[in-house]
C-alpha atoms as a PDB file:
ATOM      1  CA  MET A   1      -0.012  -0.107  -0.284  1.00  0.00           C
ATOM      2  CA  GLU A   2       2.787   2.602   0.484  1.00  0.00           C
ATOM      3  CA  LYS A   3       4.050   2.487  -3.420  1.00  0.00           C
ATOM      4  CA  LEU A   4       0.336   3.281  -4.212  1.00  0.00           C
ATOM      5  CA  SER A   5       0.746   7.052  -5.902  1.00  0.00           C
ATOM      6  CA  PRO A   6      -2.758   8.989  -6.417  1.00  0.00           C
ATOM      7  CA  VAL A   7      -3.982   9.401  -9.853  1.00  0.00           C
ATOM      8  CA  PRO A   8      -3.964  12.923 -10.939  1.00  0.00           C
ATOM      9  CA  ALA A   9      -7.550  14.539 -10.965  1.00  0.00           C
ATOM     10  CA  SER A  10      -7.538  15.712 -14.434  1.00  0.00           C
ATOM     11  CA  THR A  11      -5.100  17.105 -17.448  1.00  0.00           C
ATOM     12  CA  PRO A  12      -5.856  20.137 -18.980  1.00  0.00           C
ATOM     13  CA  SER A  13      -7.163  19.600 -22.680  1.00  0.00           C
ATOM     14  CA  ASN A  14      -6.233  21.655 -25.893  1.00  0.00           C
ATOM     15  CA  ARG A  15      -8.764  20.173 -27.800  1.00  0.00           C
ATOM     16  CA  ALA A  16      -9.830  23.100 -30.424  1.00  0.00           C
ATOM     17  CA  TRP A  17     -13.636  23.972 -29.856  1.00  0.00           C
ATOM     18  CA  PHE A  18     -16.144  24.559 -32.704  1.00  0.00           C
ATOM     19  CA  VAL A  19     -17.105  27.840 -34.151  1.00  0.00           C
ATOM     20  CA  TYR A  20     -18.719  28.593 -37.089  1.00  0.00           C
ATOM     21  CA  LEU A  21     -16.007  30.252 -39.987  1.00  0.00           C
ATOM     22  CA  ALA A  22     -18.717  32.855 -41.110  1.00  0.00           C
ATOM     23  CA  ILE A  23     -20.024  33.882 -37.347  1.00  0.00           C
ATOM     24  CA  ASN A  24     -17.417  36.954 -38.277  1.00  0.00           C
ATOM     25  CA  GLU A  25     -19.031  37.949 -40.889  1.00  0.00           C
ATOM     26  CA  CYS A  26     -22.994  37.559 -40.565  1.00  0.00           C
ATOM     27  CA  THR A  27     -24.990  40.791 -39.948  1.00  0.00           C
ATOM     28  CA  TYR A  28     -27.564  38.548 -38.247  1.00  0.00           C
ATOM     29  CA  ASP A  29     -26.851  35.397 -35.937  1.00  0.00           C
ATOM     30  CA  PHE A  30     -29.556  32.807 -34.293  1.00  0.00           C
ATOM     31  CA  MET A  31     -29.122  32.699 -30.161  1.00  0.00           C
ATOM     32  CA  ARG A  32     -29.288  29.172 -28.403  1.00  0.00           C
ATOM     33  CA  LYS A  33     -31.531  29.084 -25.698  1.00  0.00           C
ATOM     34  CA  ASP A  34     -30.162  27.508 -22.566  1.00  0.00           C
ATOM     35  CA  TRP A  35     -32.941  26.645 -20.694  1.00  0.00           C
ATOM     36  CA  VAL A  36     -34.821  24.173 -20.315  1.00  0.00           C
ATOM     37  CA  ARG A  37     -37.267  23.543 -23.334  1.00  0.00           C
ATOM     38  CA  THR A  38     -40.417  21.992 -23.940  1.00  0.00           C
ATOM     39  CA  PRO A  39     -40.823  19.203 -26.214  1.00  0.00           C
ATOM     40  CA  LEU A  40     -40.651  20.211 -30.025  1.00  0.00           C
ATOM     41  CA  SER A  41     -39.751  23.925 -29.258  1.00  0.00           C
ATOM     42  CA  PRO A  42     -36.804  25.344 -30.973  1.00  0.00           C
ATOM     43  CA  PRO A  43     -33.404  25.205 -29.763  1.00  0.00           C
ATOM     44  CA  TYR A  44     -32.373  28.467 -31.076  1.00  0.00           C
ATOM     45  CA  ASP A  45     -34.245  32.137 -31.210  1.00  0.00           C
ATOM     46  CA  GLY A  46     -34.644  34.067 -33.875  1.00  0.00           C
ATOM     47  CA  SER A  47     -32.227  35.807 -35.963  1.00  0.00           C
ATOM     48  CA  CYS A  48     -30.499  38.879 -33.953  1.00  0.00           C
ATOM     49  CA  ASN A  49     -28.719  41.912 -35.349  1.00  0.00           C
ATOM     50  CA  VAL A  50     -25.216  41.914 -34.341  1.00  0.00           C
ATOM     51  CA  LEU A  51     -23.849  45.295 -33.324  1.00  0.00           C
ATOM     52  CA  SER A  52     -20.684  44.758 -32.215  1.00  0.00           C
ATOM     53  CA  ARG A  53     -17.801  41.918 -32.003  1.00  0.00           C
ATOM     54  CA  GLN A  54     -15.381  40.978 -29.997  1.00  0.00           C
ATOM     55  CA  SER A  55     -13.095  37.711 -29.758  1.00  0.00           C
ATOM     56  CA  LYS A  56     -15.404  35.639 -27.405  1.00  0.00           C
ATOM     57  CA  THR A  57     -18.340  37.613 -26.747  1.00  0.00           C
ATOM     58  CA  PHE A  58     -21.029  39.482 -29.358  1.00  0.00           C
ATOM     59  CA  THR A  59     -23.069  42.286 -28.609  1.00  0.00           C
ATOM     60  CA  LEU A  60     -26.907  41.432 -30.436  1.00  0.00           C
ATOM     61  CA  LEU A  61     -29.999  43.662 -30.592  1.00  0.00           C
ATOM     62  CA  ILE A  62     -32.620  41.075 -29.309  1.00  0.00           C
ATOM     63  CA  GLY A  63     -36.153  43.079 -29.655  1.00  0.00           C
ATOM     64  CA  SER A  64     -35.260  46.630 -28.362  1.00  0.00           C
ATOM     65  CA  LYS A  65     -32.444  45.706 -25.949  1.00  0.00           C
ATOM     66  CA  GLN A  66     -28.760  44.827 -26.049  1.00  0.00           C
ATOM     67  CA  ALA A  67     -27.288  41.959 -24.849  1.00  0.00           C
ATOM     68  CA  THR A  68     -23.704  40.430 -24.493  1.00  0.00           C
ATOM     69  CA  ILE A  69     -23.929  36.906 -25.380  1.00  0.00           C
ATOM     70  CA  SER A  70     -21.016  34.146 -25.730  1.00  0.00           C
ATOM     71  CA  ILE A  71     -20.106  32.802 -29.295  1.00  0.00           C
ATOM     72  CA  ASP A  72     -20.608  29.449 -28.026  1.00  0.00           C
ATOM     73  CA  ARG A  73     -24.230  30.133 -27.905  1.00  0.00           C
ATOM     74  CA  LEU A  74     -24.370  31.976 -31.327  1.00  0.00           C
ATOM     75  CA  LYS A  75     -24.860  30.305 -34.948  1.00  0.00           C
ATOM     76  CA  PRO A  76     -25.161  32.374 -37.832  1.00  0.00           C
ATOM     77  CA  ALA A  77     -28.043  33.240 -39.796  1.00  0.00           C
ATOM     78  CA  PHE A  78     -28.157  33.250 -43.702  1.00  0.00           C
ATOM     79  CA  LEU A  79     -31.658  35.178 -44.533  1.00  0.00           C
ATOM     80  CA  GLU A  80     -32.589  35.702 -47.934  1.00  0.00           C
ATOM     81  CA  ILE A  81     -32.742  38.889 -49.658  1.00  0.00           C
ATOM     82  CA  GLU A  82     -36.480  38.484 -50.288  1.00  0.00           C
ATOM     83  CA  ASN A  83     -36.677  38.307 -46.281  1.00  0.00           C
ATOM     84  CA  LEU A  84     -34.933  41.454 -45.771  1.00  0.00           C
ATOM     85  CA  ILE A  85     -37.180  44.588 -45.190  1.00  0.00           C
ATOM     86  CA  THR A  86     -36.704  47.013 -47.733  1.00  0.00           C
ATOM     87  CA  ASP A  87     -38.434  50.380 -48.451  1.00  0.00           C
ATOM     88  CA  SER A  88     -38.835  49.175 -52.420  1.00  0.00           C
ATOM     89  CA  LYS A  89     -42.284  47.544 -53.502  1.00  0.00           C
ATOM     90  CA  PRO A  90     -42.473  44.788 -55.124  1.00  0.00           C
ATOM     91  CA  ALA A  91     -42.338  44.105 -58.987  1.00  0.00           C
ATOM     92  CA  THR A  92     -45.923  43.199 -60.335  1.00  0.00           C
END
């Protein structure tokens, strides 16, 4: 028993985390809901306008409020041009 040594608790990981490549170019992002959801509810909230970017956090416009969100909770939103609000009338 005297020759036994304790096992190390854990080792630091150098694992790379997944980050969307287009996250720094999109003007709109989806924000993941980090709370318990009801069955069949969507995991992401609708597209939010990106106001500013830092290395690990983004500032988004959610409704009429600004919120600072971690990049881990964001997913780039690729929207069709037709869905964006425009001042021009559709061609007939």
